[in-house]
PDB file of all heavy atoms in Angstrom:
ATOM      1  N   GLY A   1      11.869-189.999   2.266  1.00  0.00           N
ATOM      2  CA  GLY A   1      13.097-190.737   2.491  1.00  0.00           C
ATOM      3  C   GLY A   1      13.982-190.866   1.268  1.00  0.00           C
ATOM      4  O   GLY A   1      14.313-189.900   0.596  1.00  0.00           O
ATOM      5  N   ALA A   2      14.349-192.109   0.960  1.00  0.00           N
ATOM      6  CA  ALA A   2      15.291-192.378  -0.122  1.00  0.00           C
ATOM      7  C   ALA A   2      14.733-192.049  -1.510  1.00  0.00           C
ATOM      8  O   ALA A   2      15.483-191.925  -2.458  1.00  0.00           O
ATOM      9  CB  ALA A   2      15.724-193.842  -0.082  1.00  0.00           C
ATOM     10  N   GLY A   3      13.425-191.889  -1.638  1.00  0.00           N
ATOM     11  CA  GLY A   3      12.833-191.536  -2.931  1.00  0.00           C
ATOM     12  C   GLY A   3      13.207-190.137  -3.390  1.00  0.00           C
ATOM     13  O   GLY A   3      13.075-189.799  -4.564  1.00  0.00           O
ATOM     14  N   CYS A   4      13.671-189.306  -2.459  1.00  0.00           N
ATOM     15  CA  CYS A   4      14.057-187.937  -2.825  1.00  0.00           C
ATOM     16  C   CYS A   4      15.329-187.905  -3.670  1.00  0.00           C
ATOM     17  O   CYS A   4      15.497-187.018  -4.497  1.00  0.00           O
ATOM     18  CB  CYS A   4      14.279-187.107  -1.565  1.00  0.00           C
ATOM     19  SG  CYS A   4      12.800-186.790  -0.611  1.00  0.00           S
ATOM     20  N   VAL A   5      16.230-188.848  -3.452  1.00  0.00           N
ATOM     21  CA  VAL A   5      17.516-188.826  -4.142  1.00  0.00           C
ATOM     22  C   VAL A   5      17.345-189.032  -5.650  1.00  0.00           C
ATOM     23  O   VAL A   5      17.797-188.202  -6.443  1.00  0.00           O
ATOM     24  CB  VAL A   5      18.501-189.845  -3.516  1.00  0.00           C
ATOM     25  CG1 VAL A   5      19.777-189.921  -4.329  1.00  0.00           C
ATOM     26  CG2 VAL A   5      18.795-189.474  -2.072  1.00  0.00           C
ATOM     27  N   PRO A   6      16.678-190.118  -6.116  1.00  0.00           N
ATOM     28  CA  PRO A   6      16.533-190.254  -7.572  1.00  0.00           C
ATOM     29  C   PRO A   6      15.669-189.154  -8.183  1.00  0.00           C
ATOM     30  O   PRO A   6      15.924-188.729  -9.314  1.00  0.00           O
ATOM     31  CB  PRO A   6      15.889-191.621  -7.760  1.00  0.00           C
ATOM     32  CG  PRO A   6      15.573-192.161  -6.426  1.00  0.00           C
ATOM     33  CD  PRO A   6      16.190-191.281  -5.399  1.00  0.00           C
ATOM     34  N   LEU A   7      14.689-188.683  -7.427  1.00  0.00           N
ATOM     35  CA  LEU A   7      13.855-187.587  -7.927  1.00  0.00           C
ATOM     36  C   LEU A   7      14.703-186.328  -8.107  1.00  0.00           C
ATOM     37  O   LEU A   7      14.612-185.645  -9.136  1.00  0.00           O
ATOM     38  CB  LEU A   7      12.692-187.326  -6.966  1.00  0.00           C
ATOM     39  CG  LEU A   7      11.709-186.243  -7.387  1.00  0.00           C
ATOM     40  CD1 LEU A   7      10.986-186.657  -8.668  1.00  0.00           C
ATOM     41  CD2 LEU A   7      10.714-185.984  -6.271  1.00  0.00           C
ATOM     42  N   GLY A   8      15.562-186.039  -7.124  1.00  0.00           N
ATOM     43  CA  GLY A   8      16.437-184.868  -7.217  1.00  0.00           C
ATOM     44  C   GLY A   8      17.412-184.991  -8.377  1.00  0.00           C
ATOM     45  O   GLY A   8      17.661-184.031  -9.100  1.00  0.00           O
ATOM     46  N   ILE A   9      17.976-186.190  -8.578  1.00  0.00           N
ATOM     47  CA  ILE A   9      18.915-186.399  -9.684  1.00  0.00           C
ATOM     48  C   ILE A   9      18.215-186.190 -11.025  1.00  0.00           C
ATOM     49  O   ILE A   9      18.730-185.511 -11.913  1.00  0.00           O
ATOM     50  CB  ILE A   9      19.547-187.804  -9.601  1.00  0.00           C
ATOM     51  CG1 ILE A   9      20.464-187.895  -8.394  1.00  0.00           C
ATOM     52  CG2 ILE A   9      20.317-188.127 -10.886  1.00  0.00           C
ATOM     53  CD1 ILE A   9      20.977-189.290  -8.108  1.00  0.00           C
ATOM     54  N   GLY A  10      17.023-186.767 -11.166  1.00  0.00           N
ATOM     55  CA  GLY A  10      16.292-186.649 -12.438  1.00  0.00           C
ATOM     56  C   GLY A  10      15.902-185.218 -12.757  1.00  0.00           C
ATOM     57  O   GLY A  10      16.126-184.734 -13.876  1.00  0.00           O
ATOM     58  N   ILE A  11      15.331-184.542 -11.772  1.00  0.00           N
ATOM     59  CA  ILE A  11      14.916-183.153 -12.000  1.00  0.00           C
ATOM     60  C   ILE A  11      16.130-182.265 -12.233  1.00  0.00           C
ATOM     61  O   ILE A  11      16.135-181.405 -13.121  1.00  0.00           O
ATOM     62  CB  ILE A  11      14.062-182.652 -10.823  1.00  0.00           C
ATOM     63  CG1 ILE A  11      12.715-183.387 -10.822  1.00  0.00           C
ATOM     64  CG2 ILE A  11      13.851-181.145 -10.896  1.00  0.00           C
ATOM     65  CD1 ILE A  11      11.845-183.101  -9.614  1.00  0.00           C
ATOM     66  N   GLY A  12      17.206-182.485 -11.459  1.00  0.00           N
ATOM     67  CA  GLY A  12      18.425-181.697 -11.645  1.00  0.00           C
ATOM     68  C   GLY A  12      19.040-181.908 -13.020  1.00  0.00           C
ATOM     69  O   GLY A  12      19.496-180.968 -13.659  1.00  0.00           O
ATOM     70  N   ALA A  13      19.035-183.176 -13.490  1.00  0.00           N
ATOM     71  CA  ALA A  13      19.588-183.462 -14.814  1.00  0.00           C
ATOM     72  C   ALA A  13      18.772-182.779 -15.904  1.00  0.00           C
ATOM     73  O   ALA A  13      19.331-182.235 -16.864  1.00  0.00           O
ATOM     74  CB  ALA A  13      19.647-184.964 -15.052  1.00  0.00           C
ATOM     75  N   LEU A  14      17.455-182.786 -15.781  1.00  0.00           N
ATOM     76  CA  LEU A  14      16.612-182.116 -16.780  1.00  0.00           C
ATOM     77  C   LEU A  14      16.852-180.608 -16.791  1.00  0.00           C
ATOM     78  O   LEU A  14      16.974-179.998 -17.850  1.00  0.00           O
ATOM     79  CB  LEU A  14      15.139-182.421 -16.527  1.00  0.00           C
ATOM     80  CG  LEU A  14      14.694-183.849 -16.851  1.00  0.00           C
ATOM     81  CD1 LEU A  14      13.256-184.067 -16.415  1.00  0.00           C
ATOM     82  CD2 LEU A  14      14.847-184.134 -18.330  1.00  0.00           C
ATOM     83  N   TRP A  15      16.893-180.017 -15.607  1.00  0.00           N
ATOM     84  CA  TRP A  15      17.155-178.584 -15.537  1.00  0.00           C
ATOM     85  C   TRP A  15      18.533-178.253 -16.094  1.00  0.00           C
ATOM     86  O   TRP A  15      18.707-177.297 -16.848  1.00  0.00           O
ATOM     87  CB  TRP A  15      17.053-178.094 -14.079  1.00  0.00           C
ATOM     88  CG  TRP A  15      15.671-177.698 -13.700  1.00  0.00           C
ATOM     89  CD1 TRP A  15      14.739-178.468 -13.082  1.00  0.00           C
ATOM     90  CD2 TRP A  15      15.052-176.435 -13.930  1.00  0.00           C
ATOM     91  NE1 TRP A  15      13.585-177.752 -12.904  1.00  0.00           N
ATOM     92  CE2 TRP A  15      13.741-176.502 -13.413  1.00  0.00           C
ATOM     93  CE3 TRP A  15      15.482-175.249 -14.516  1.00  0.00           C
ATOM     94  CZ2 TRP A  15      12.870-175.434 -13.477  1.00  0.00           C
ATOM     95  CZ3 TRP A  15      14.597-174.187 -14.574  1.00  0.00           C
ATOM     96  CH2 TRP A  15      13.308-174.290 -14.057  1.00  0.00           C
ATOM     97  N   GLY A  16      19.529-179.044 -15.720  1.00  0.00           N
ATOM     98  CA  GLY A  16      20.892-178.805 -16.204  1.00  0.00           C
ATOM     99  C   GLY A  16      21.004-178.942 -17.709  1.00  0.00           C
ATOM    100  O   GLY A  16      21.681-178.156 -18.375  1.00  0.00           O
ATOM    101  N   ALA A  17      20.324-179.953 -18.270  1.00  0.00           N
ATOM    102  CA  ALA A  17      20.350-180.133 -19.720  1.00  0.00           C
ATOM    103  C   ALA A  17      19.684-178.943 -20.425  1.00  0.00           C
ATOM    104  O   ALA A  17      20.162-178.472 -21.457  1.00  0.00           O
ATOM    105  CB  ALA A  17      19.661-181.435 -20.110  1.00  0.00           C
ATOM    106  N   GLY A  18      18.594-178.465 -19.848  1.00  0.00           N
ATOM    107  CA  GLY A  18      17.910-177.300 -20.423  1.00  0.00           C
ATOM    108  C   GLY A  18      18.776-176.053 -20.391  1.00  0.00           C
ATOM    109  O   GLY A  18      18.889-175.324 -21.380  1.00  0.00           O
ATOM    110  N   ILE A  19      19.415-175.824 -19.261  1.00  0.00           N
ATOM    111  CA  ILE A  19      20.294-174.654 -19.149  1.00  0.00           C
ATOM    112  C   ILE A  19      21.505-174.818 -20.068  1.00  0.00           C
ATOM    113  O   ILE A  19      21.927-173.872 -20.736  1.00  0.00           O
ATOM    114  CB  ILE A  19      20.725-174.443 -17.685  1.00  0.00           C
ATOM    115  CG1 ILE A  19      19.501-174.029 -16.857  1.00  0.00           C
ATOM    116  CG2 ILE A  19      21.838-173.413 -17.574  1.00  0.00           C
ATOM    117  CD1 ILE A  19      19.726-174.019 -15.371  1.00  0.00           C
ATOM    118  N   GLY A  20      22.053-176.026 -20.131  1.00  0.00           N
ATOM    119  CA  GLY A  20      23.174-176.276 -21.043  1.00  0.00           C
ATOM    120  C   GLY A  20      22.778-176.042 -22.488  1.00  0.00           C
ATOM    121  O   GLY A  20      23.550-175.507 -23.282  1.00  0.00           O
ATOM    122  N   GLY A  21      21.555-176.446 -22.862  1.00  0.00           N
ATOM    123  CA  GLY A  21      21.068-176.196 -24.220  1.00  0.00           C
ATOM    124  C   GLY A  21      20.959-174.713 -24.517  1.00  0.00           C
ATOM    125  O   GLY A  21      21.308-174.260 -25.610  1.00  0.00           O
ATOM    126  N   LEU A  22      20.479-173.942 -23.535  1.00  0.00           N
ATOM    127  CA  LEU A  22      20.382-172.488 -23.728  1.00  0.00           C
ATOM    128  C   LEU A  22      21.762-171.862 -23.877  1.00  0.00           C
ATOM    129  O   LEU A  22      21.968-170.976 -24.704  1.00  0.00           O
ATOM    130  CB  LEU A  22      19.648-171.852 -22.546  1.00  0.00           C
ATOM    131  CG  LEU A  22      18.158-172.138 -22.465  1.00  0.00           C
ATOM    132  CD1 LEU A  22      17.572-171.568 -21.183  1.00  0.00           C
ATOM    133  CD2 LEU A  22      17.429-171.574 -23.676  1.00  0.00           C
ATOM    134  N   VAL A  23      22.716-172.335 -23.088  1.00  0.00           N
ATOM    135  CA  VAL A  23      24.081-171.834 -23.221  1.00  0.00           C
ATOM    136  C   VAL A  23      24.636-172.200 -24.596  1.00  0.00           C
ATOM    137  O   VAL A  23      25.260-171.387 -25.277  1.00  0.00           O
ATOM    138  CB  VAL A  23      24.982-172.395 -22.098  1.00  0.00           C
ATOM    139  CG1 VAL A  23      26.451-172.118 -22.382  1.00  0.00           C
ATOM    140  CG2 VAL A  23      24.576-171.815 -20.759  1.00  0.00           C
ATOM    141  N   GLY A  24      24.383-173.431 -25.037  1.00  0.00           N
ATOM    142  CA  GLY A  24      24.874-173.871 -26.339  1.00  0.00           C
ATOM    143  C   GLY A  24      24.290-173.087 -27.499  1.00  0.00           C
ATOM    144  O   GLY A  24      24.944-172.898 -28.527  1.00  0.00           O
ATOM    145  N   VAL A  25      23.060-172.610 -27.349  1.00  0.00           N
ATOM    146  CA  VAL A  25      22.429-171.812 -28.406  1.00  0.00           C
ATOM    147  C   VAL A  25      23.086-170.445 -28.507  1.00  0.00           C
ATOM    148  O   VAL A  25      23.230-169.894 -29.594  1.00  0.00           O
ATOM    149  CB  VAL A  25      20.907-171.672 -28.137  1.00  0.00           C
ATOM    150  CG1 VAL A  25      20.286-170.601 -28.994  1.00  0.00           C
ATOM    151  CG2 VAL A  25      20.216-172.993 -28.377  1.00  0.00           C
ATOM    152  N   THR A  26      23.510-169.903 -27.379  1.00  0.00           N
ATOM    153  CA  THR A  26      24.058-168.548 -27.391  1.00  0.00           C
ATOM    154  C   THR A  26      25.557-168.501 -27.657  1.00  0.00           C
ATOM    155  O   THR A  26      26.070-167.472 -28.071  1.00  0.00           O
ATOM    156  CB  THR A  26      23.779-167.846 -26.043  1.00  0.00           C
ATOM    157  OG1 THR A  26      24.380-168.599 -24.991  1.00  0.00           O
ATOM    158  CG2 THR A  26      22.295-167.717 -25.802  1.00  0.00           C
ATOM    159  N   VAL A  27      26.284-169.604 -27.415  1.00  0.00           N
ATOM    160  CA  VAL A  27      27.740-169.605 -27.565  1.00  0.00           C
ATOM    161  C   VAL A  27      28.126-170.256 -28.890  1.00  0.00           C
ATOM    162  O   VAL A  27      27.658-171.334 -29.210  1.00  0.00           O
ATOM    163  CB  VAL A  27      28.408-170.365 -26.394  1.00  0.00           C
ATOM    164  CG1 VAL A  27      29.903-170.483 -26.612  1.00  0.00           C
ATOM    165  CG2 VAL A  27      28.106-169.677 -25.084  1.00  0.00           C
ATOM    166  N   LYS A  28      28.967-169.570 -29.640  1.00  0.00           N
ATOM    167  CA  LYS A  28      29.474-170.130 -30.892  1.00  0.00           C
ATOM    168  C   LYS A  28      30.922-170.527 -30.709  1.00  0.00           C
ATOM    169  O   LYS A  28      31.649-169.924 -29.934  1.00  0.00           O
ATOM    170  CB  LYS A  28      29.395-169.107 -32.020  1.00  0.00           C
ATOM    171  CG  LYS A  28      28.022-168.845 -32.534  1.00  0.00           C
ATOM    172  CD  LYS A  28      28.101-167.891 -33.706  1.00  0.00           C
ATOM    173  CE  LYS A  28      26.738-167.633 -34.307  1.00  0.00           C
ATOM    174  NZ  LYS A  28      26.838-166.711 -35.444  1.00  0.00           N
ATOM    175  N   GLY A  29      31.322-171.536 -31.438  1.00  0.00           N
ATOM    176  CA  GLY A  29      32.718-171.965 -31.418  1.00  0.00           C
ATOM    177  C   GLY A  29      33.168-172.271 -32.832  1.00  0.00           C
ATOM    178  O   GLY A  29      32.383-172.728 -33.661  1.00  0.00           O
ATOM    179  N   GLU A  30      34.412-171.999 -33.097  1.00  0.00           N
ATOM    180  CA  GLU A  30      34.934-172.243 -34.432  1.00  0.00           C
ATOM    181  C   GLU A  30      35.263-173.719 -34.611  1.00  0.00           C
ATOM    182  O   GLU A  30      35.830-174.349 -33.724  1.00  0.00           O
ATOM    183  CB  GLU A  30      36.184-171.391 -34.681  1.00  0.00           C
ATOM    184  CG  GLU A  30      36.585-171.361 -36.126  1.00  0.00           C
ATOM    185  CD  GLU A  30      37.517-170.205 -36.442  1.00  0.00           C
ATOM    186  OE1 GLU A  30      37.942-169.499 -35.523  1.00  0.00           O
ATOM    187  OE2 GLU A  30      37.815-170.024 -37.621  1.00  0.00           O
ATOM    188  N   GLN A  31      34.873-174.275 -35.733  1.00  0.00           N
ATOM    189  CA  GLN A  31      35.140-175.672 -36.064  1.00  0.00           C
ATOM    190  C   GLN A  31      36.347-175.736 -36.983  1.00  0.00           C
ATOM    191  O   GLN A  31      36.471-174.945 -37.919  1.00  0.00           O
ATOM    192  CB  GLN A  31      33.929-176.291 -36.770  1.00  0.00           C
ATOM    193  CG  GLN A  31      32.654-176.236 -35.965  1.00  0.00           C
ATOM    194  CD  GLN A  31      32.698-177.174 -34.789  1.00  0.00           C
ATOM    195  OE1 GLN A  31      33.063-178.326 -34.926  1.00  0.00           O
ATOM    196  NE2 GLN A  31      32.327-176.683 -33.628  1.00  0.00           N
ATOM    197  N   TRP A  32      37.235-176.715 -36.747  1.00  0.00           N
ATOM    198  CA  TRP A  32      38.447-176.863 -37.537  1.00  0.00           C
ATOM    199  C   TRP A  32      38.523-178.256 -38.115  1.00  0.00           C
ATOM    200  O   TRP A  32      38.108-179.217 -37.486  1.00  0.00           O
ATOM    201  CB  TRP A  32      39.676-176.614 -36.664  1.00  0.00           C
ATOM    202  CG  TRP A  32      39.763-175.205 -36.193  1.00  0.00           C
ATOM    203  CD1 TRP A  32      39.213-174.680 -35.076  1.00  0.00           C
ATOM    204  CD2 TRP A  32      40.414-174.130 -36.854  1.00  0.00           C
ATOM    205  NE1 TRP A  32      39.488-173.344 -34.978  1.00  0.00           N
ATOM    206  CE2 TRP A  32      40.239-172.986 -36.064  1.00  0.00           C
ATOM    207  CE3 TRP A  32      41.147-174.014 -38.024  1.00  0.00           C
ATOM    208  CZ2 TRP A  32      40.756-171.743 -36.410  1.00  0.00           C
ATOM    209  CZ3 TRP A  32      41.670-172.781 -38.364  1.00  0.00           C
ATOM    210  CH2 TRP A  32      41.469-171.655 -37.565  1.00  0.00           C
ATOM    211  N   GLN A  33      39.056-178.351 -39.329  1.00  0.00           N
ATOM    212  CA  GLN A  33      39.253-179.638 -39.983  1.00  0.00           C
ATOM    213  C   GLN A  33      40.736-179.790 -40.297  1.00  0.00           C
ATOM    214  O   GLN A  33      41.351-178.901 -40.888  1.00  0.00           O
ATOM    215  CB  GLN A  33      38.440-179.728 -41.272  1.00  0.00           C
ATOM    216  CG  GLN A  33      38.639-181.022 -42.014  1.00  0.00           C
ATOM    217  CD  GLN A  33      37.855-181.047 -43.319  1.00  0.00           C
ATOM    218  OE1 GLN A  33      37.303-180.041 -43.738  1.00  0.00           O
ATOM    219  NE2 GLN A  33      37.825-182.191 -43.940  1.00  0.00           N
ATOM    220  N   ARG A  34      41.288-180.908 -39.885  1.00  0.00           N
ATOM    221  CA  ARG A  34      42.705-181.167 -40.153  1.00  0.00           C
ATOM    222  C   ARG A  34      42.881-181.542 -41.618  1.00  0.00           C
ATOM    223  O   ARG A  34      42.119-182.334 -42.159  1.00  0.00           O
ATOM    224  CB  ARG A  34      43.187-182.301 -39.253  1.00  0.00           C
ATOM    225  CG  ARG A  34      44.657-182.479 -39.273  1.00  0.00           C
ATOM    226  CD  ARG A  34      45.061-183.479 -38.226  1.00  0.00           C
ATOM    227  NE  ARG A  34      46.503-183.575 -38.186  1.00  0.00           N
ATOM    228  CZ  ARG A  34      47.165-184.287 -37.338  1.00  0.00           C
ATOM    229  NH1 ARG A  34      46.524-184.985 -36.438  1.00  0.00           N
ATOM    230  NH2 ARG A  34      48.473-184.323 -37.366  1.00  0.00           N
ATOM    231  N   ILE A  35      43.885-180.958 -42.258  1.00  0.00           N
ATOM    232  CA  ILE A  35      44.154-181.276 -43.653  1.00  0.00           C
ATOM    233  C   ILE A  35      45.583-181.805 -43.776  1.00  0.00           C
ATOM    234  O   ILE A  35      46.427-181.545 -42.919  1.00  0.00           O
ATOM    235  CB  ILE A  35      43.935-180.059 -44.589  1.00  0.00           C
ATOM    236  CG1 ILE A  35      44.825-178.883 -44.184  1.00  0.00           C
ATOM    237  CG2 ILE A  35      42.488-179.646 -44.595  1.00  0.00           C
ATOM    238  CD1 ILE A  35      44.734-177.705 -45.113  1.00  0.00           C
ATOM    239  N   ASP A  36      45.833-182.542 -44.839  1.00  0.00           N
ATOM    240  CA  ASP A  36      47.154-183.118 -45.055  1.00  0.00           C
ATOM    241  C   ASP A  36      48.148-181.988 -45.322  1.00  0.00           C
ATOM    242  O   ASP A  36      48.030-181.239 -46.285  1.00  0.00           O
ATOM    243  CB  ASP A  36      47.111-184.081 -46.236  1.00  0.00           C
ATOM    244  CG  ASP A  36      48.450-184.746 -46.489  1.00  0.00           C
ATOM    245  OD1 ASP A  36      49.263-184.808 -45.551  1.00  0.00           O
ATOM    246  OD2 ASP A  36      48.670-185.198 -47.622  1.00  0.00           O
ATOM    247  N   ALA A  37      49.140-181.897 -44.468  1.00  0.00           N
ATOM    248  CA  ALA A  37      50.091-180.788 -44.561  1.00  0.00           C
ATOM    249  C   ALA A  37      51.444-181.219 -45.107  1.00  0.00           C
ATOM    250  O   ALA A  37      52.404-180.487 -44.996  1.00  0.00           O
ATOM    251  CB  ALA A  37      50.266-180.166 -43.186  1.00  0.00           C
ATOM    252  N   SER A  38      51.528-182.397 -45.676  1.00  0.00           N
ATOM    253  CA  SER A  38      52.834-182.865 -46.118  1.00  0.00           C
ATOM    254  C   SER A  38      53.480-181.935 -47.153  1.00  0.00           C
ATOM    255  O   SER A  38      54.657-181.632 -47.022  1.00  0.00           O
ATOM    256  CB  SER A  38      52.745-184.292 -46.639  1.00  0.00           C
ATOM    257  OG  SER A  38      51.778-184.396 -47.647  1.00  0.00           O
ATOM    258  N   PRO A  39      52.780-181.437 -48.184  1.00  0.00           N
ATOM    259  CA  PRO A  39      53.449-180.520 -49.103  1.00  0.00           C
ATOM    260  C   PRO A  39      53.448-179.074 -48.623  1.00  0.00           C
ATOM    261  O   PRO A  39      54.112-178.233 -49.182  1.00  0.00           O
ATOM    262  CB  PRO A  39      52.638-180.647 -50.391  1.00  0.00           C
ATOM    263  CG  PRO A  39      51.288-181.019 -49.938  1.00  0.00           C
ATOM    264  CD  PRO A  39      51.480-181.844 -48.691  1.00  0.00           C
ATOM    265  N   VAL A  40      52.717-178.773 -47.553  1.00  0.00           N
ATOM    266  CA  VAL A  40      52.588-177.403 -47.069  1.00  0.00           C
ATOM    267  C   VAL A  40      53.265-177.305 -45.710  1.00  0.00           C
ATOM    268  O   VAL A  40      53.016-178.106 -44.828  1.00  0.00           O
ATOM    269  CB  VAL A  40      51.097-177.012 -46.948  1.00  0.00           C
ATOM    270  CG1 VAL A  40      50.957-175.607 -46.404  1.00  0.00           C
ATOM    271  CG2 VAL A  40      50.384-177.161 -48.271  1.00  0.00           C
ATOM    272  N   GLN A  41      54.118-176.302 -45.544  1.00  0.00           N
ATOM    273  CA  GLN A  41      54.789-176.086 -44.275  1.00  0.00           C
ATOM    274  C   GLN A  41      54.568-174.651 -43.818  1.00  0.00           C
ATOM    275  O   GLN A  41      55.135-173.725 -44.386  1.00  0.00           O
ATOM    276  CB  GLN A  41      56.283-176.355 -44.392  1.00  0.00           C
ATOM    277  CG  GLN A  41      56.631-177.794 -44.585  1.00  0.00           C
ATOM    278  CD  GLN A  41      58.138-177.984 -44.623  1.00  0.00           C
ATOM    279  OE1 GLN A  41      58.886-177.080 -44.959  1.00  0.00           O
ATOM    280  NE2 GLN A  41      58.554-179.178 -44.275  1.00  0.00           N
ATOM    281  N   PRO A  42      53.726-174.455 -42.796  1.00  0.00           N
ATOM    282  CA  PRO A  42      53.581-173.107 -42.245  1.00  0.00           C
ATOM    283  C   PRO A  42      54.875-172.711 -41.547  1.00  0.00           C
ATOM    284  O   PRO A  42      55.586-173.548 -41.005  1.00  0.00           O
ATOM    285  CB  PRO A  42      52.439-173.228 -41.242  1.00  0.00           C
ATOM    286  CG  PRO A  42      52.018-174.638 -41.242  1.00  0.00           C
ATOM    287  CD  PRO A  42      52.861-175.411 -42.173  1.00  0.00           C
ATOM    288  N   ASP A  43      55.187-171.442 -41.560  1.00  0.00           N
ATOM    289  CA  ASP A  43      56.452-170.971 -41.016  1.00  0.00           C
ATOM    290  C   ASP A  43      56.214-169.674 -40.253  1.00  0.00           C
ATOM    291  O   ASP A  43      55.599-168.744 -40.766  1.00  0.00           O
ATOM    292  CB  ASP A  43      57.420-170.735 -42.183  1.00  0.00           C
ATOM    293  CG  ASP A  43      58.822-170.410 -41.728  1.00  0.00           C
ATOM    294  OD1 ASP A  43      59.179-170.794 -40.599  1.00  0.00           O
ATOM    295  OD2 ASP A  43      59.549-169.774 -42.511  1.00  0.00           O
ATOM    296  N   VAL A  44      56.664-169.627 -39.009  1.00  0.00           N
ATOM    297  CA  VAL A  44      56.574-168.415 -38.191  1.00  0.00           C
ATOM    298  C   VAL A  44      57.978-168.093 -37.711  1.00  0.00           C
ATOM    299  O   VAL A  44      58.662-168.937 -37.148  1.00  0.00           O
ATOM    300  CB  VAL A  44      55.645-168.648 -36.966  1.00  0.00           C
ATOM    301  CG1 VAL A  44      55.588-167.396 -36.109  1.00  0.00           C
ATOM    302  CG2 VAL A  44      54.256-169.077 -37.405  1.00  0.00           C
ATOM    303  N   ARG A  45      58.401-166.863 -37.960  1.00  0.00           N
ATOM    304  CA  ARG A  45      59.754-166.477 -37.537  1.00  0.00           C
ATOM    305  C   ARG A  45      59.775-164.984 -37.224  1.00  0.00           C
ATOM    306  O   ARG A  45      58.977-164.215 -37.768  1.00  0.00           O
ATOM    307  CB  ARG A  45      60.777-166.836 -38.599  1.00  0.00           C
ATOM    308  CG  ARG A  45      60.630-166.058 -39.892  1.00  0.00           C
ATOM    309  CD  ARG A  45      61.705-166.391 -40.876  1.00  0.00           C
ATOM    310  NE  ARG A  45      61.517-167.750 -41.342  1.00  0.00           N
ATOM    311  CZ  ARG A  45      62.287-168.342 -42.231  1.00  0.00           C
ATOM    312  NH1 ARG A  45      63.289-167.692 -42.742  1.00  0.00           N
ATOM    313  NH2 ARG A  45      62.070-169.561 -42.616  1.00  0.00           N
TER     314      ARG A  45
END
């Protein structure tokens, strides 16, 4: 009965977290740091 719902949520969350961790290990993303640009002005024309 109703015991299946929390069991399904818990097991699904664990599986999803595991798969998300595997995806995170294989995917890289570039990290950016904002710097004070007051004396520097990039220009594209």
